[in-house]
């Protein structure tokens, strides 16, 4: 691994760990439903919409970069 990648690794590691902890705490189904809902790809279904947790992926400053990235990718694919 080169020096540039080693220097950037801590910047990416903390958000990934926070994202994984939120997924583990809220459950994978709720995380998937929330991400699909934010991406506009969640089918209209009351059972699925109940799983959506709008506060689940908001960081301390109201923005979680990993969740935003995943939602952006989902919007491109949907």
N, C-alpha and C. Protein backbone atom coordinates (compact mmCIF):
# COMPACT_ATOMS: atom_id res chain seq x y z
N UNK A 1 0.86 -1.16 0.00
CA UNK A 1 0.00 0.00 0.00
C UNK A 1 0.90 1.23 0.00
N UNK A 2 0.60 2.19 -0.86
CA UNK A 2 1.46 3.37 -0.92
C UNK A 2 1.13 4.35 0.20
N UNK A 3 1.96 5.37 0.35
CA UNK A 3 1.82 6.32 1.46
C UNK A 3 0.53 7.12 1.36
N UNK A 4 0.09 7.46 0.14
CA UNK A 4 -1.14 8.23 -0.03
C UNK A 4 -2.36 7.47 0.44
N UNK A 5 -2.42 6.20 0.10
CA UNK A 5 -3.55 5.37 0.52
C UNK A 5 -3.54 5.16 2.03
N UNK A 6 -2.36 5.01 2.61
CA UNK A 6 -2.26 4.84 4.05
C UNK A 6 -2.69 6.10 4.79
N UNK A 7 -2.43 7.26 4.19
CA UNK A 7 -2.83 8.51 4.83
C UNK A 7 -4.33 8.73 4.76
N UNK A 8 -4.98 8.24 3.71
CA UNK A 8 -6.42 8.43 3.54
C UNK A 8 -7.26 7.37 4.26
N UNK A 9 -6.67 6.25 4.58
CA UNK A 9 -7.41 5.16 5.21
C UNK A 9 -8.13 5.58 6.49
N UNK A 10 -7.50 6.31 7.43
CA UNK A 10 -8.24 6.72 8.64
C UNK A 10 -9.44 7.63 8.34
N UNK A 11 -9.36 8.41 7.27
CA UNK A 11 -10.47 9.28 6.91
C UNK A 11 -11.70 8.49 6.47
N UNK A 12 -11.49 7.34 5.84
CA UNK A 12 -12.59 6.52 5.38
C UNK A 12 -13.03 5.49 6.40
N UNK A 13 -12.13 5.09 7.25
CA UNK A 13 -12.42 4.02 8.20
C UNK A 13 -13.46 4.42 9.24
N UNK A 14 -13.35 5.61 9.81
CA UNK A 14 -14.28 6.06 10.84
C UNK A 14 -15.72 6.14 10.33
N UNK A 15 -16.00 6.75 9.16
CA UNK A 15 -17.38 6.76 8.66
C UNK A 15 -17.91 5.37 8.34
N UNK A 16 -17.06 4.49 7.84
CA UNK A 16 -17.51 3.13 7.54
C UNK A 16 -17.88 2.39 8.82
N UNK A 17 -17.09 2.57 9.86
CA UNK A 17 -17.38 1.92 11.14
C UNK A 17 -18.67 2.47 11.74
N UNK A 18 -18.89 3.79 11.67
CA UNK A 18 -20.13 4.37 12.18
C UNK A 18 -21.33 3.86 11.40
N UNK A 19 -21.20 3.77 10.08
CA UNK A 19 -22.28 3.26 9.23
C UNK A 19 -22.60 1.81 9.59
N UNK A 20 -21.57 0.99 9.75
CA UNK A 20 -21.78 -0.41 10.10
C UNK A 20 -22.42 -0.55 11.49
N UNK A 21 -22.03 0.30 12.42
CA UNK A 21 -22.63 0.25 13.76
C UNK A 21 -24.10 0.63 13.72
N UNK A 22 -24.46 1.61 12.91
CA UNK A 22 -25.87 1.99 12.79
C UNK A 22 -26.68 0.89 12.14
N UNK A 23 -26.11 0.24 11.14
CA UNK A 23 -26.80 -0.88 10.49
C UNK A 23 -27.00 -2.01 11.49
N UNK A 24 -25.98 -2.33 12.27
CA UNK A 24 -26.08 -3.41 13.24
C UNK A 24 -27.08 -3.07 14.35
N UNK A 25 -27.10 -1.82 14.78
CA UNK A 25 -28.00 -1.43 15.87
C UNK A 25 -29.46 -1.40 15.42
N UNK A 26 -29.70 -0.92 14.22
CA UNK A 26 -31.07 -0.79 13.74
C UNK A 26 -31.58 -2.01 13.01
N UNK A 27 -30.72 -2.89 12.64
CA UNK A 27 -31.11 -4.07 11.89
C UNK A 27 -30.91 -3.86 10.40
N UNK A 28 -30.46 -4.89 9.72
CA UNK A 28 -30.21 -4.78 8.28
C UNK A 28 -31.46 -4.46 7.47
N UNK A 29 -32.62 -4.98 7.88
CA UNK A 29 -33.84 -4.71 7.13
C UNK A 29 -34.22 -3.24 7.21
N UNK A 30 -34.10 -2.65 8.38
CA UNK A 30 -34.40 -1.22 8.54
C UNK A 30 -33.40 -0.37 7.78
N UNK A 31 -32.14 -0.78 7.77
CA UNK A 31 -31.12 -0.03 7.04
C UNK A 31 -31.38 -0.08 5.54
N UNK A 32 -31.69 -1.26 5.03
CA UNK A 32 -31.98 -1.40 3.60
C UNK A 32 -33.23 -0.61 3.22
N UNK A 33 -34.27 -0.68 4.05
CA UNK A 33 -35.50 0.06 3.75
C UNK A 33 -35.26 1.56 3.78
N UNK A 34 -34.46 2.04 4.72
CA UNK A 34 -34.18 3.47 4.82
C UNK A 34 -33.39 3.96 3.62
N UNK A 35 -32.38 3.19 3.21
CA UNK A 35 -31.56 3.58 2.06
C UNK A 35 -32.39 3.55 0.78
N UNK A 36 -33.19 2.52 0.60
CA UNK A 36 -34.06 2.46 -0.59
C UNK A 36 -35.08 3.58 -0.59
N UNK A 37 -35.61 3.93 0.57
CA UNK A 37 -36.58 5.02 0.67
C UNK A 37 -35.93 6.35 0.28
N UNK A 38 -34.74 6.61 0.80
CA UNK A 38 -34.05 7.86 0.47
C UNK A 38 -33.66 7.92 -1.00
N UNK A 39 -33.40 6.76 -1.60
CA UNK A 39 -33.04 6.72 -3.02
C UNK A 39 -34.25 6.77 -3.93
N UNK A 40 -35.44 6.64 -3.35
CA UNK A 40 -36.65 6.66 -4.16
C UNK A 40 -36.94 5.33 -4.83
N UNK A 41 -36.35 4.27 -4.32
CA UNK A 41 -36.52 2.95 -4.94
C UNK A 41 -37.34 1.99 -4.09
N UNK A 42 -37.91 2.47 -2.98
CA UNK A 42 -38.70 1.61 -2.11
C UNK A 42 -40.13 1.53 -2.66
N UNK A 43 -40.64 0.33 -2.90
CA UNK A 43 -42.01 0.21 -3.39
C UNK A 43 -43.01 0.75 -2.36
N UNK A 44 -44.14 1.23 -2.84
CA UNK A 44 -45.20 1.73 -1.95
C UNK A 44 -45.83 0.55 -1.23
N UNK A 45 -45.42 0.34 0.01
CA UNK A 45 -45.91 -0.76 0.81
C UNK A 45 -45.84 -0.31 2.26
N UNK A 46 -46.96 -0.33 2.95
CA UNK A 46 -46.99 0.15 4.34
C UNK A 46 -46.05 -0.66 5.23
N UNK A 47 -45.96 -1.94 5.00
CA UNK A 47 -45.07 -2.77 5.81
C UNK A 47 -43.62 -2.36 5.66
N UNK A 48 -43.20 -2.06 4.44
CA UNK A 48 -41.83 -1.62 4.21
C UNK A 48 -41.61 -0.21 4.72
N UNK A 49 -42.60 0.65 4.55
CA UNK A 49 -42.46 2.04 4.99
C UNK A 49 -42.37 2.15 6.51
N UNK A 50 -42.91 1.17 7.22
CA UNK A 50 -42.79 1.17 8.68
C UNK A 50 -41.36 0.91 9.14
N UNK A 51 -40.59 0.24 8.29
CA UNK A 51 -39.19 -0.05 8.63
C UNK A 51 -38.28 1.17 8.47
N UNK A 52 -38.73 2.16 7.70
CA UNK A 52 -37.89 3.32 7.42
C UNK A 52 -37.66 4.13 8.70
N UNK A 53 -36.40 4.38 8.97
CA UNK A 53 -36.00 5.18 10.13
C UNK A 53 -35.24 6.39 9.61
N UNK A 54 -35.92 7.52 9.51
CA UNK A 54 -35.29 8.71 8.95
C UNK A 54 -34.14 9.23 9.79
N UNK A 55 -34.16 8.96 11.08
CA UNK A 55 -33.08 9.44 11.95
C UNK A 55 -31.92 8.45 12.05
N UNK A 56 -32.04 7.31 11.41
CA UNK A 56 -31.05 6.25 11.59
C UNK A 56 -29.68 6.60 11.02
N UNK A 57 -29.63 7.31 9.92
CA UNK A 57 -28.35 7.54 9.27
C UNK A 57 -27.95 8.99 9.24
N UNK A 58 -28.53 9.80 10.11
CA UNK A 58 -28.08 11.18 10.23
C UNK A 58 -26.91 11.21 11.19
N UNK A 59 -25.81 11.77 10.74
CA UNK A 59 -24.64 11.89 11.59
C UNK A 59 -24.81 13.01 12.59
N UNK A 60 -23.76 13.29 13.31
CA UNK A 60 -23.83 14.36 14.31
C UNK A 60 -24.14 15.71 13.67
N UNK A 61 -23.61 15.94 12.47
CA UNK A 61 -23.86 17.20 11.79
C UNK A 61 -25.01 17.10 10.80
N UNK A 62 -25.79 16.02 10.88
CA UNK A 62 -26.94 15.85 10.00
C UNK A 62 -26.60 15.20 8.68
N UNK A 63 -25.36 14.74 8.51
CA UNK A 63 -24.98 14.16 7.24
C UNK A 63 -24.03 13.00 7.47
N UNK A 64 -24.34 11.88 6.91
CA UNK A 64 -23.49 10.71 6.98
C UNK A 64 -22.96 10.44 5.58
N UNK A 65 -21.66 10.60 5.38
CA UNK A 65 -21.12 10.55 4.02
C UNK A 65 -21.24 9.16 3.39
N UNK A 66 -21.10 8.11 4.16
CA UNK A 66 -21.20 6.77 3.59
C UNK A 66 -22.64 6.48 3.17
N UNK A 67 -23.60 6.81 4.02
CA UNK A 67 -25.01 6.61 3.66
C UNK A 67 -25.38 7.47 2.47
N UNK A 68 -24.88 8.70 2.41
CA UNK A 68 -25.16 9.57 1.26
C UNK A 68 -24.57 8.98 -0.02
N UNK A 69 -23.40 8.40 0.08
CA UNK A 69 -22.78 7.77 -1.08
C UNK A 69 -23.61 6.58 -1.56
N UNK A 70 -24.04 5.74 -0.63
CA UNK A 70 -24.84 4.57 -0.98
C UNK A 70 -26.16 5.00 -1.62
N UNK A 71 -26.80 6.04 -1.05
CA UNK A 71 -28.05 6.55 -1.62
C UNK A 71 -27.81 7.10 -3.02
N UNK A 72 -26.72 7.81 -3.21
CA UNK A 72 -26.39 8.34 -4.55
C UNK A 72 -26.20 7.25 -5.58
N UNK A 73 -25.51 6.20 -5.19
CA UNK A 73 -25.33 5.06 -6.10
C UNK A 73 -26.67 4.40 -6.43
N UNK A 74 -27.51 4.25 -5.41
CA UNK A 74 -28.83 3.65 -5.63
C UNK A 74 -29.68 4.51 -6.56
N UNK A 75 -29.58 5.83 -6.44
CA UNK A 75 -30.35 6.72 -7.33
C UNK A 75 -29.88 6.58 -8.76
N UNK A 76 -28.59 6.37 -8.95
CA UNK A 76 -28.08 6.18 -10.31
C UNK A 76 -28.54 4.87 -10.91
N UNK A 77 -28.65 3.85 -10.09
CA UNK A 77 -29.05 2.53 -10.59
C UNK A 77 -30.55 2.38 -10.76
N UNK A 78 -31.32 3.15 -10.00
CA UNK A 78 -32.78 3.01 -10.06
C UNK A 78 -33.39 3.78 -11.21
